[in-house]
Amino acid sequence: MATFKASGDRPRHVVLVGMMGAGKTTVGSRLARRLDRPFVDSDVQVERRAARTVRQIFETEGEAAFRAIESEALAEALAAEEPAVIAAAGGTVLDPVNRQRMKDCGTVVFLEAPPEALAPRVGGDDHRPLLGTDPATALRAMDETRHHLYREVADHIVDVTTGSPDDVVDQIMELMK
């Protein structure tokens, strides 16, 4: 497994991947504080770039346009010189170029949980257009498409089914030793 340092002991970005509801934003912001690094949430970066919400982008321009903006935001975050903690949007792994960028520029941690555990966490979340009216079914379908991609790109896997966000941060910190 990869370490959190690049050649020459230069710190690498820590990139969190996983399904929506896995805690990438919550864990990422706490991990960034612990590491004294900037935190970048790619969903926030997408909304800033587009000056619209994710839902508005989907509704007005469609998923392909959203994915293009998402890839640009991820590439920009990964190109930053200062090591950061990056919460990569759940769908970034669908693009093989994004997967390669993440592996090249960061240590990737897959926050893993089954769809049944994630559905209650995202059920009432209106800004997630892919969930529709049945989050559990939508998450199962996404998991079938994405799970193997998250595993493919991951340097480390942390089960987030149970435990608090601070427990997850502690586990990631242990991996960094």
Foldseek 3Di string as FASTA:
>chain_A
DDAQADPVRHGFAEEEEEAPQLCLPPLQVVLCVVVVFAEAELQVVLCVVVVHFLVVCCVPPNDVVSLVSLLVSLLVVLPDPTHGYYYRHHCLLVDPVSLVSPLVGGAYEYSDDQLVLRCVSCVVPPRDVQCPNPNSVSRNVVCVVPVVSSVVSHPYYDYSSDDDSVVSSVVVVVRND
